[in-house]
All heavy atoms as atom14 arrays in JSON, in Angstrom:
{
  "sequence": "FKWLFEAFTEAHGQKKPITIFKDQDAAMAKALTEVGPETWHGLCTWH",
  "atom14_mask": [
    [1, 1, 1, 1, 1, 1, 1, 1, 1, 1, 1, 0, 0, 0],
    [1, 1, 1, 1, 1, 1, 1, 1, 1, 0, 0, 0, 0, 0],
    [1, 1, 1, 1, 1, 1, 1, 1, 1, 1, 1, 1, 1, 1],
    [1, 1, 1, 1, 1, 1, 1, 1, 0, 0, 0, 0, 0, 0],
    [1, 1, 1, 1, 1, 1, 1, 1, 1, 1, 1, 0, 0, 0],
    [1, 1, 1, 1, 1, 1, 1, 1, 1, 0, 0, 0, 0, 0],
    [1, 1, 1, 1, 1, 0, 0, 0, 0, 0, 0, 0, 0, 0],
    [1, 1, 1, 1, 1, 1, 1, 1, 1, 1, 1, 0, 0, 0],
    [1, 1, 1, 1, 1, 1, 1, 0, 0, 0, 0, 0, 0, 0],
    [1, 1, 1, 1, 1, 1, 1, 1, 1, 0, 0, 0, 0, 0],
    [1, 1, 1, 1, 1, 0, 0, 0, 0, 0, 0, 0, 0, 0],
    [1, 1, 1, 1, 1, 1, 1, 1, 1, 1, 0, 0, 0, 0],
    [1, 1, 1, 1, 0, 0, 0, 0, 0, 0, 0, 0, 0, 0],
    [1, 1, 1, 1, 1, 1, 1, 1, 1, 0, 0, 0, 0, 0],
    [1, 1, 1, 1, 1, 1, 1, 1, 1, 0, 0, 0, 0, 0],
    [1, 1, 1, 1, 1, 1, 1, 1, 1, 0, 0, 0, 0, 0],
    [1, 1, 1, 1, 1, 1, 1, 0, 0, 0, 0, 0, 0, 0],
    [1, 1, 1, 1, 1, 1, 1, 1, 0, 0, 0, 0, 0, 0],
    [1, 1, 1, 1, 1, 1, 1, 0, 0, 0, 0, 0, 0, 0],
    [1, 1, 1, 1, 1, 1, 1, 1, 0, 0, 0, 0, 0, 0],
    [1, 1, 1, 1, 1, 1, 1, 1, 1, 1, 1, 0, 0, 0],
    [1, 1, 1, 1, 1, 1, 1, 1, 1, 0, 0, 0, 0, 0],
    [1, 1, 1, 1, 1, 1, 1, 1, 0, 0, 0, 0, 0, 0],
    [1, 1, 1, 1, 1, 1, 1, 1, 1, 0, 0, 0, 0, 0],
    [1, 1, 1, 1, 1, 1, 1, 1, 0, 0, 0, 0, 0, 0],
    [1, 1, 1, 1, 1, 0, 0, 0, 0, 0, 0, 0, 0, 0],
    [1, 1, 1, 1, 1, 0, 0, 0, 0, 0, 0, 0, 0, 0],
    [1, 1, 1, 1, 1, 1, 1, 1, 0, 0, 0, 0, 0, 0],
    [1, 1, 1, 1, 1, 0, 0, 0, 0, 0, 0, 0, 0, 0],
    [1, 1, 1, 1, 1, 1, 1, 1, 1, 0, 0, 0, 0, 0],
    [1, 1, 1, 1, 1, 0, 0, 0, 0, 0, 0, 0, 0, 0],
    [1, 1, 1, 1, 1, 1, 1, 1, 0, 0, 0, 0, 0, 0],
    [1, 1, 1, 1, 1, 1, 1, 0, 0, 0, 0, 0, 0, 0],
    [1, 1, 1, 1, 1, 1, 1, 1, 1, 0, 0, 0, 0, 0],
    [1, 1, 1, 1, 1, 1, 1, 0, 0, 0, 0, 0, 0, 0],
    [1, 1, 1, 1, 0, 0, 0, 0, 0, 0, 0, 0, 0, 0],
    [1, 1, 1, 1, 1, 1, 1, 0, 0, 0, 0, 0, 0, 0],
    [1, 1, 1, 1, 1, 1, 1, 1, 1, 0, 0, 0, 0, 0],
    [1, 1, 1, 1, 1, 1, 1, 0, 0, 0, 0, 0, 0, 0],
    [1, 1, 1, 1, 1, 1, 1, 1, 1, 1, 1, 1, 1, 1],
    [1, 1, 1, 1, 1, 1, 1, 1, 1, 1, 0, 0, 0, 0],
    [1, 1, 1, 1, 0, 0, 0, 0, 0, 0, 0, 0, 0, 0],
    [1, 1, 1, 1, 1, 1, 1, 1, 0, 0, 0, 0, 0, 0],
    [1, 1, 1, 1, 1, 1, 0, 0, 0, 0, 0, 0, 0, 0],
    [1, 1, 1, 1, 1, 1, 1, 0, 0, 0, 0, 0, 0, 0],
    [1, 1, 1, 1, 1, 1, 1, 1, 1, 1, 1, 1, 1, 1],
    [1, 1, 1, 1, 1, 1, 1, 1, 1, 1, 0, 0, 0, 0]
  ],
  "atom14_positions": [
    [[5.16, -5.21, 2.22], [4.77, -6.6, 2.45], [5.04, -7.01, 3.89], [4.24, -7.75, 4.48], [5.53, -7.53, 1.49], [4.98, -7.55, 0.1], [5.79, -7.29, -0.99], [3.64, -7.84, -0.13], [5.28, -7.32, -2.27], [3.12, -7.87, -1.41], [3.94, -7.6, -2.48], [0.0, 0.0, 0.0], [0.0, 0.0, 0.0], [0.0, 0.0, 0.0]],
    [[6.13, -6.53, 4.46], [6.44, -6.87, 5.86], [5.37, -6.3, 6.78], [4.9, -6.99, 7.69], [7.81, -6.32, 6.24], [8.23, -6.7, 7.65], [9.61, -6.16, 7.98], [10.01, -6.54, 9.41], [11.34, -6.01, 9.77], [0.0, 0.0, 0.0], [0.0, 0.0, 0.0], [0.0, 0.0, 0.0], [0.0, 0.0, 0.0], [0.0, 0.0, 0.0]],
    [[4.96, -5.04, 6.55], [3.88, -4.46, 7.35], [2.6, -5.27, 7.2], [1.9, -5.54, 8.18], [3.62, -3.02, 6.91], [2.37, -2.48, 7.52], [2.24, -1.87, 8.74], [1.04, -2.54, 6.97], [0.92, -1.54, 8.96], [0.17, -1.95, 7.91], [0.52, -3.04, 5.78], [-1.2, -1.84, 7.68], [-0.84, -2.94, 5.54], [-1.7, -2.34, 6.49]],
    [[2.28, -5.68, 5.97], [1.05, -6.42, 5.72], [1.04, -7.76, 6.46], [0.06, -8.1, 7.13], [0.89, -6.66, 4.22], [-0.27, -7.57, 3.79], [-1.6, -6.99, 4.22], [-0.25, -7.81, 2.29], [0.0, 0.0, 0.0], [0.0, 0.0, 0.0], [0.0, 0.0, 0.0], [0.0, 0.0, 0.0], [0.0, 0.0, 0.0], [0.0, 0.0, 0.0]],
    [[2.13, -8.51, 6.36], [2.17, -9.83, 7.0], [2.15, -9.7, 8.53], [1.56, -10.54, 9.22], [3.4, -10.61, 6.54], [3.41, -10.89, 5.06], [4.58, -10.81, 4.32], [2.24, -11.23, 4.4], [4.58, -11.06, 2.95], [2.22, -11.49, 3.04], [3.4, -11.39, 2.31], [0.0, 0.0, 0.0], [0.0, 0.0, 0.0], [0.0, 0.0, 0.0]],
    [[2.8, -8.68, 9.06], [2.77, -8.46, 10.51], [1.37, -8.07, 10.98], [0.89, -8.54, 12.01], [3.78, -7.38, 10.89], [5.23, -7.83, 10.8], [6.2, -6.7, 11.1], [5.76, -5.52, 11.11], [7.4, -6.99, 11.32], [0.0, 0.0, 0.0], [0.0, 0.0, 0.0], [0.0, 0.0, 0.0], [0.0, 0.0, 0.0], [0.0, 0.0, 0.0]],
    [[0.7, -7.19, 10.22], [-0.66, -6.78, 10.57], [-1.63, -7.95, 10.48], [-2.52, -8.12, 11.32], [-1.11, -5.64, 9.65], [0.0, 0.0, 0.0], [0.0, 0.0, 0.0], [0.0, 0.0, 0.0], [0.0, 0.0, 0.0], [0.0, 0.0, 0.0], [0.0, 0.0, 0.0], [0.0, 0.0, 0.0], [0.0, 0.0, 0.0], [0.0, 0.0, 0.0]],
    [[-1.46, -8.78, 9.46], [-2.31, -9.95, 9.29], [-2.13, -10.93, 10.44], [-3.11, -11.45, 11.0], [-1.99, -10.63, 7.96], [-2.78, -11.88, 7.69], [-4.08, -11.81, 7.22], [-2.22, -13.13, 7.9], [-4.82, -12.95, 6.97], [-2.95, -14.29, 7.65], [-4.25, -14.19, 7.18], [0.0, 0.0, 0.0], [0.0, 0.0, 0.0], [0.0, 0.0, 0.0]],
    [[-0.88, -11.16, 10.84], [-0.59, -12.07, 11.95], [-1.14, -11.54, 13.27], [-1.7, -12.29, 14.07], [0.93, -12.3, 12.07], [1.44, -12.75, 10.82], [1.24, -13.33, 13.14], [0.0, 0.0, 0.0], [0.0, 0.0, 0.0], [0.0, 0.0, 0.0], [0.0, 0.0, 0.0], [0.0, 0.0, 0.0], [0.0, 0.0, 0.0], [0.0, 0.0, 0.0]],
    [[-1.01, -10.24, 13.48], [-1.52, -9.63, 14.71], [-3.04, -9.71, 14.77], [-3.62, -9.99, 15.84], [-1.07, -8.17, 14.79], [-1.51, -7.46, 16.07], [-1.1, -6.01, 16.1], [-0.38, -5.57, 15.18], [-1.5, -5.31, 17.06], [0.0, 0.0, 0.0], [0.0, 0.0, 0.0], [0.0, 0.0, 0.0], [0.0, 0.0, 0.0], [0.0, 0.0, 0.0]],
    [[-3.71, -9.48, 13.64], [-5.17, -9.53, 13.61], [-5.69, -10.93, 13.93], [-6.81, -11.07, 14.45], [-5.67, -9.1, 12.24], [0.0, 0.0, 0.0], [0.0, 0.0, 0.0], [0.0, 0.0, 0.0], [0.0, 0.0, 0.0], [0.0, 0.0, 0.0], [0.0, 0.0, 0.0], [0.0, 0.0, 0.0], [0.0, 0.0, 0.0], [0.0, 0.0, 0.0]],
    [[-4.89, -11.94, 13.66], [-5.32, -13.33, 13.88], [-4.63, -13.95, 15.1], [-4.37, -15.15, 15.13], [-5.05, -14.17, 12.64], [-5.95, -13.83, 11.48], [-7.31, -14.05, 11.5], [-5.68, -13.26, 10.28], [-7.83, -13.64, 10.36], [-6.88, -13.16, 9.6], [0.0, 0.0, 0.0], [0.0, 0.0, 0.0], [0.0, 0.0, 0.0], [0.0, 0.0, 0.0]],
    [[-4.34, -13.12, 16.1], [-3.83, -13.65, 17.36], [-2.46, -14.28, 17.28], [-2.18, -15.25, 17.98], [0.0, 0.0, 0.0], [0.0, 0.0, 0.0], [0.0, 0.0, 0.0], [0.0, 0.0, 0.0], [0.0, 0.0, 0.0], [0.0, 0.0, 0.0], [0.0, 0.0, 0.0], [0.0, 0.0, 0.0], [0.0, 0.0, 0.0], [0.0, 0.0, 0.0]],
    [[-1.59, -13.76, 16.4], [-0.21, -14.24, 16.22], [-0.14, -15.66, 15.65], [0.93, -16.28, 15.69], [0.58, -14.16, 17.53], [0.68, -12.77, 18.12], [1.34, -11.77, 17.18], [2.28, -12.11, 16.47], [0.83, -10.54, 17.17], [0.0, 0.0, 0.0], [0.0, 0.0, 0.0], [0.0, 0.0, 0.0], [0.0, 0.0, 0.0], [0.0, 0.0, 0.0]],
    [[-1.25, -16.17, 15.15], [-1.22, -17.49, 14.52], [-0.67, -17.38, 13.11], [-1.15, -16.56, 12.33], [-2.61, -18.11, 14.49], [-2.64, -19.47, 13.79], [-4.05, -20.02, 13.67], [-4.04, -21.32, 12.87], [-5.38, -21.9, 12.7], [0.0, 0.0, 0.0], [0.0, 0.0, 0.0], [0.0, 0.0, 0.0], [0.0, 0.0, 0.0], [0.0, 0.0, 0.0]],
    [[0.31, -18.22, 12.79], [0.91, -18.21, 11.45], [0.56, -19.5, 10.72], [0.45, -20.56, 11.35], [2.43, -18.05, 11.56], [2.84, -16.72, 12.2], [4.33, -16.61, 12.36], [4.69, -15.28, 13.05], [6.15, -15.16, 13.26], [0.0, 0.0, 0.0], [0.0, 0.0, 0.0], [0.0, 0.0, 0.0], [0.0, 0.0, 0.0], [0.0, 0.0, 0.0]],
    [[0.37, -19.43, 9.41], [0.0, -20.64, 8.66], [1.15, -21.64, 8.61], [2.33, -21.27, 8.74], [-0.32, -20.1, 7.27], [0.46, -18.83, 7.15], [0.47, -18.25, 8.53], [0.0, 0.0, 0.0], [0.0, 0.0, 0.0], [0.0, 0.0, 0.0], [0.0, 0.0, 0.0], [0.0, 0.0, 0.0], [0.0, 0.0, 0.0], [0.0, 0.0, 0.0]],
    [[0.8, -22.89, 8.41], [1.83, -23.93, 8.23], [2.51, -23.75, 6.89], [3.73, -23.85, 6.77], [1.2, -25.33, 8.32], [0.57, -25.54, 9.69], [2.25, -26.41, 8.05], [-0.21, -26.83, 9.8], [0.0, 0.0, 0.0], [0.0, 0.0, 0.0], [0.0, 0.0, 0.0], [0.0, 0.0, 0.0], [0.0, 0.0, 0.0], [0.0, 0.0, 0.0]],
    [[1.71, -23.44, 5.86], [2.2, -23.3, 4.49], [1.55, -22.1, 3.84], [0.36, -21.85, 4.04], [1.88, -24.56, 3.67], [2.42, -25.71, 4.33], [2.46, -24.47, 2.27], [0.0, 0.0, 0.0], [0.0, 0.0, 0.0], [0.0, 0.0, 0.0], [0.0, 0.0, 0.0], [0.0, 0.0, 0.0], [0.0, 0.0, 0.0], [0.0, 0.0, 0.0]],
    [[2.32, -21.37, 3.06], [1.76, -20.26, 2.28], [2.32, -20.33, 0.86], [3.51, -20.56, 0.66], [2.09, -18.89, 2.93], [1.39, -17.77, 2.17], [3.58, -18.65, 3.03], [1.43, -16.42, 2.87], [0.0, 0.0, 0.0], [0.0, 0.0, 0.0], [0.0, 0.0, 0.0], [0.0, 0.0, 0.0], [0.0, 0.0, 0.0], [0.0, 0.0, 0.0]],
    [[1.44, -20.21, -0.12], [1.84, -20.22, -1.53], [1.81, -18.8, -2.06], [0.89, -18.02, -1.79], [0.91, -21.1, -2.35], [1.17, -22.56, -2.19], [0.53, -23.3, -1.22], [2.1, -23.21, -3.01], [0.77, -24.65, -1.07], [2.35, -24.56, -2.86], [1.69, -25.28, -1.89], [0.0, 0.0, 0.0], [0.0, 0.0, 0.0], [0.0, 0.0, 0.0]],
    [[2.82, -18.47, -2.86], [2.96, -17.12, -3.41], [3.62, -17.22, -4.78], [3.99, -18.31, -5.23], [3.81, -16.27, -2.48], [5.2, -16.85, -2.24], [6.01, -16.01, -1.3], [7.41, -16.59, -1.11], [8.18, -16.69, -2.37], [0.0, 0.0, 0.0], [0.0, 0.0, 0.0], [0.0, 0.0, 0.0], [0.0, 0.0, 0.0], [0.0, 0.0, 0.0]],
    [[3.77, -16.03, -5.44], [4.48, -16.02, -6.71], [5.98, -15.8, -6.45], [6.42, -15.86, -5.3], [3.9, -14.96, -7.65], [3.95, -13.56, -7.04], [4.8, -13.33, -6.16], [3.13, -12.72, -7.43], [0.0, 0.0, 0.0], [0.0, 0.0, 0.0], [0.0, 0.0, 0.0], [0.0, 0.0, 0.0], [0.0, 0.0, 0.0], [0.0, 0.0, 0.0]],
    [[6.75, -15.53, -7.5], [8.21, -15.43, -7.38], [8.69, -14.01, -7.1], [9.84, -13.68, -7.38], [8.86, -15.95, -8.66], [8.69, -17.45, -8.85], [9.29, -17.92, -10.16], [8.61, -18.16, -11.14], [10.61, -18.03, -10.19], [0.0, 0.0, 0.0], [0.0, 0.0, 0.0], [0.0, 0.0, 0.0], [0.0, 0.0, 0.0], [0.0, 0.0, 0.0]],
    [[7.83, -13.16, -6.54], [8.22, -11.79, -6.23], [9.3, -11.78, -5.15], [9.12, -12.34, -4.06], [6.98, -11.01, -5.77], [7.3, -9.54, -5.57], [7.22, -8.8, -6.55], [7.63, -9.16, -4.43], [0.0, 0.0, 0.0], [0.0, 0.0, 0.0], [0.0, 0.0, 0.0], [0.0, 0.0, 0.0], [0.0, 0.0, 0.0], [0.0, 0.0, 0.0]],
    [[10.42, -11.11, -5.43], [11.56, -11.11, -4.51], [11.26, -10.34, -3.23], [11.65, -10.74, -2.13], [12.78, -10.52, -5.21], [0.0, 0.0, 0.0], [0.0, 0.0, 0.0], [0.0, 0.0, 0.0], [0.0, 0.0, 0.0], [0.0, 0.0, 0.0], [0.0, 0.0, 0.0], [0.0, 0.0, 0.0], [0.0, 0.0, 0.0], [0.0, 0.0, 0.0]],
    [[10.56, -9.2, -3.34], [10.23, -8.4, -2.17], [9.3, -9.16, -1.23], [9.46, -9.13, 0.0], [9.58, -7.08, -2.6], [0.0, 0.0, 0.0], [0.0, 0.0, 0.0], [0.0, 0.0, 0.0], [0.0, 0.0, 0.0], [0.0, 0.0, 0.0], [0.0, 0.0, 0.0], [0.0, 0.0, 0.0], [0.0, 0.0, 0.0], [0.0, 0.0, 0.0]],
    [[8.34, -9.87, -1.79], [7.41, -10.66, -1.0], [8.16, -11.79, -0.27], [7.9, -12.06, 0.9], [6.32, -11.25, -1.89], [5.17, -11.89, -1.14], [4.03, -12.73, -2.28], [3.54, -11.39, -3.36], [0.0, 0.0, 0.0], [0.0, 0.0, 0.0], [0.0, 0.0, 0.0], [0.0, 0.0, 0.0], [0.0, 0.0, 0.0], [0.0, 0.0, 0.0]],
    [[9.07, -12.45, -1.0], [9.84, -13.55, -0.4], [10.69, -13.05, 0.76], [10.78, -13.7, 1.81], [10.72, -14.19, -1.47], [0.0, 0.0, 0.0], [0.0, 0.0, 0.0], [0.0, 0.0, 0.0], [0.0, 0.0, 0.0], [0.0, 0.0, 0.0], [0.0, 0.0, 0.0], [0.0, 0.0, 0.0], [0.0, 0.0, 0.0], [0.0, 0.0, 0.0]],
    [[11.29, -11.87, 0.61], [12.13, -11.31, 1.68], [11.29, -11.0, 2.92], [11.68, -11.32, 4.05], [12.81, -10.03, 1.18], [13.69, -9.36, 2.22], [14.3, -8.07, 1.68], [15.12, -7.38, 2.76], [15.68, -6.09, 2.26], [0.0, 0.0, 0.0], [0.0, 0.0, 0.0], [0.0, 0.0, 0.0], [0.0, 0.0, 0.0], [0.0, 0.0, 0.0]],
    [[10.11, -10.4, 2.72], [9.25, -10.05, 3.85], [8.74, -11.29, 4.56], [8.69, -11.34, 5.8], [8.09, -9.21, 3.35], [0.0, 0.0, 0.0], [0.0, 0.0, 0.0], [0.0, 0.0, 0.0], [0.0, 0.0, 0.0], [0.0, 0.0, 0.0], [0.0, 0.0, 0.0], [0.0, 0.0, 0.0], [0.0, 0.0, 0.0], [0.0, 0.0, 0.0]],
    [[8.36, -12.32, 3.81], [7.85, -13.55, 4.41], [8.93, -14.24, 5.23], [8.65, -14.8, 6.3], [7.33, -14.49, 3.33], [5.89, -14.27, 2.85], [5.59, -15.14, 1.65], [4.9, -14.55, 3.96], [0.0, 0.0, 0.0], [0.0, 0.0, 0.0], [0.0, 0.0, 0.0], [0.0, 0.0, 0.0], [0.0, 0.0, 0.0], [0.0, 0.0, 0.0]],
    [[10.15, -14.23, 4.74], [11.26, -14.86, 5.47], [11.5, -14.18, 6.81], [11.79, -14.83, 7.81], [12.54, -14.82, 4.62], [12.29, -15.45, 3.36], [13.67, -15.54, 5.32], [0.0, 0.0, 0.0], [0.0, 0.0, 0.0], [0.0, 0.0, 0.0], [0.0, 0.0, 0.0], [0.0, 0.0, 0.0], [0.0, 0.0, 0.0], [0.0, 0.0, 0.0]],
    [[11.35, -12.85, 6.85], [11.58, -12.11, 8.09], [10.42, -12.28, 9.08], [10.64, -12.42, 10.28], [11.77, -10.62, 7.77], [13.04, -10.32, 7.0], [13.19, -8.84, 6.69], [12.34, -8.05, 7.17], [14.14, -8.47, 5.97], [0.0, 0.0, 0.0], [0.0, 0.0, 0.0], [0.0, 0.0, 0.0], [0.0, 0.0, 0.0], [0.0, 0.0, 0.0]],
    [[9.19, -12.27, 8.57], [8.02, -12.32, 9.45], [7.69, -13.74, 9.87], [7.36, -13.99, 11.04], [6.8, -11.67, 8.76], [5.55, -11.79, 9.64], [7.08, -10.21, 8.46], [0.0, 0.0, 0.0], [0.0, 0.0, 0.0], [0.0, 0.0, 0.0], [0.0, 0.0, 0.0], [0.0, 0.0, 0.0], [0.0, 0.0, 0.0], [0.0, 0.0, 0.0]],
    [[7.75, -14.69, 8.94], [7.37, -16.07, 9.25], [8.41, -17.08, 8.8], [8.16, -17.86, 7.87], [0.0, 0.0, 0.0], [0.0, 0.0, 0.0], [0.0, 0.0, 0.0], [0.0, 0.0, 0.0], [0.0, 0.0, 0.0], [0.0, 0.0, 0.0], [0.0, 0.0, 0.0], [0.0, 0.0, 0.0], [0.0, 0.0, 0.0], [0.0, 0.0, 0.0]],
    [[9.57, -17.12, 9.43], [10.61, -18.06, 9.0], [10.22, -19.52, 9.21], [10.71, -20.41, 8.52], [11.82, -17.68, 9.86], [11.23, -16.99, 11.05], [10.0, -16.29, 10.56], [0.0, 0.0, 0.0], [0.0, 0.0, 0.0], [0.0, 0.0, 0.0], [0.0, 0.0, 0.0], [0.0, 0.0, 0.0], [0.0, 0.0, 0.0], [0.0, 0.0, 0.0]],
    [[9.31, -19.78, 10.2], [8.91, -21.16, 10.46], [7.82, -21.63, 9.5], [7.52, -22.84, 9.44], [8.41, -21.29, 11.9], [7.12, -20.54, 12.21], [7.34, -19.09, 12.57], [8.42, -18.54, 12.27], [6.43, -18.49, 13.17], [0.0, 0.0, 0.0], [0.0, 0.0, 0.0], [0.0, 0.0, 0.0], [0.0, 0.0, 0.0], [0.0, 0.0, 0.0]],
    [[7.22, -20.74, 8.74], [6.2, -21.1, 7.75], [6.88, -21.55, 6.47], [7.82, -20.9, 5.98], [5.27, -19.9, 7.47], [4.6, -19.53, 8.67], [4.24, -20.25, 6.41], [0.0, 0.0, 0.0], [0.0, 0.0, 0.0], [0.0, 0.0, 0.0], [0.0, 0.0, 0.0], [0.0, 0.0, 0.0], [0.0, 0.0, 0.0], [0.0, 0.0, 0.0]],
    [[6.38, -22.66, 5.9], [6.95, -23.15, 4.64], [6.39, -22.32, 3.49], [5.17, -22.16, 3.35], [6.59, -24.63, 4.45], [7.3, -25.26, 3.29], [8.54, -25.82, 3.28], [6.79, -25.4, 1.96], [8.85, -26.29, 2.03], [7.79, -26.04, 1.19], [5.6, -25.03, 1.34], [7.63, -26.34, -0.16], [5.43, -25.31, -0.01], [6.43, -25.97, -0.74]],
    [[7.29, -21.79, 2.65], [6.88, -20.91, 1.55], [6.96, -21.68, 0.23], [8.05, -22.0, -0.24], [7.78, -19.67, 1.5], [7.89, -18.96, 2.81], [9.04, -18.35, 3.25], [6.97, -18.77, 3.78], [8.83, -17.81, 4.43], [7.59, -18.06, 4.78], [0.0, 0.0, 0.0], [0.0, 0.0, 0.0], [0.0, 0.0, 0.0], [0.0, 0.0, 0.0]],
    [[5.81, -21.96, -0.35], [5.76, -22.66, -1.62], [5.61, -21.71, -2.78], [4.99, -20.64, -2.66], [0.0, 0.0, 0.0], [0.0, 0.0, 0.0], [0.0, 0.0, 0.0], [0.0, 0.0, 0.0], [0.0, 0.0, 0.0], [0.0, 0.0, 0.0], [0.0, 0.0, 0.0], [0.0, 0.0, 0.0], [0.0, 0.0, 0.0], [0.0, 0.0, 0.0]],
    [[6.18, -22.07, -3.93], [6.06, -21.26, -5.13], [4.87, -21.74, -5.97], [4.62, -22.94, -6.06], [7.34, -21.32, -5.96], [8.56, -20.59, -5.4], [9.75, -20.76, -6.33], [8.27, -19.12, -5.19], [0.0, 0.0, 0.0], [0.0, 0.0, 0.0], [0.0, 0.0, 0.0], [0.0, 0.0, 0.0], [0.0, 0.0, 0.0], [0.0, 0.0, 0.0]],
    [[4.19, -20.8, -6.57], [3.04, -21.12, -7.42], [3.53, -21.8, -8.69], [4.31, -21.21, -9.47], [2.27, -19.84, -7.73], [0.99, -20.05, -8.97], [0.0, 0.0, 0.0], [0.0, 0.0, 0.0], [0.0, 0.0, 0.0], [0.0, 0.0, 0.0], [0.0, 0.0, 0.0], [0.0, 0.0, 0.0], [0.0, 0.0, 0.0], [0.0, 0.0, 0.0]],
    [[3.1, -23.03, -8.91], [3.54, -23.77, -10.11], [2.99, -23.14, -11.39], [3.61, -23.23, -12.45], [3.08, -25.23, -10.02], [1.66, -25.28, -9.77], [3.8, -25.96, -8.9], [0.0, 0.0, 0.0], [0.0, 0.0, 0.0], [0.0, 0.0, 0.0], [0.0, 0.0, 0.0], [0.0, 0.0, 0.0], [0.0, 0.0, 0.0], [0.0, 0.0, 0.0]],
    [[1.82, -22.5, -11.3], [1.26, -21.85, -12.49], [2.15, -20.69, -12.94], [2.42, -20.52, -14.14], [-0.15, -21.34, -12.18], [-0.85, -20.74, -13.35], [-1.54, -21.38, -14.32], [-0.9, -19.33, -13.7], [-2.03, -20.49, -15.25], [-1.66, -19.22, -14.89], [-0.4, -18.17, -13.11], [-1.92, -17.99, -15.5], [-0.65, -16.95, -13.72], [-1.4, -16.87, -14.89]],
    [[2.64, -19.91, -11.98], [3.55, -18.81, -12.33], [4.86, -19.35, -12.89], [5.46, -18.74, -13.79], [3.83, -17.94, -11.1], [2.74, -16.97, -10.79], [1.81, -17.2, -9.8], [2.41, -15.78, -11.35], [0.97, -16.19, -9.76], [1.3, -15.31, -10.68], [0.0, 0.0, 0.0], [0.0, 0.0, 0.0], [0.0, 0.0, 0.0], [0.0, 0.0, 0.0]]
  ]
}
């Protein structure tokens, strides 16, 4: 997940989203915190 988020950010000129919604996956949450700490991470209410 860390590689994916870094590659995605690099492909889009280092622009990071203001908000990203995801499920409660712990590995995903850890990678997002490391790659985009300034991005607000919301949990999917459906999950």
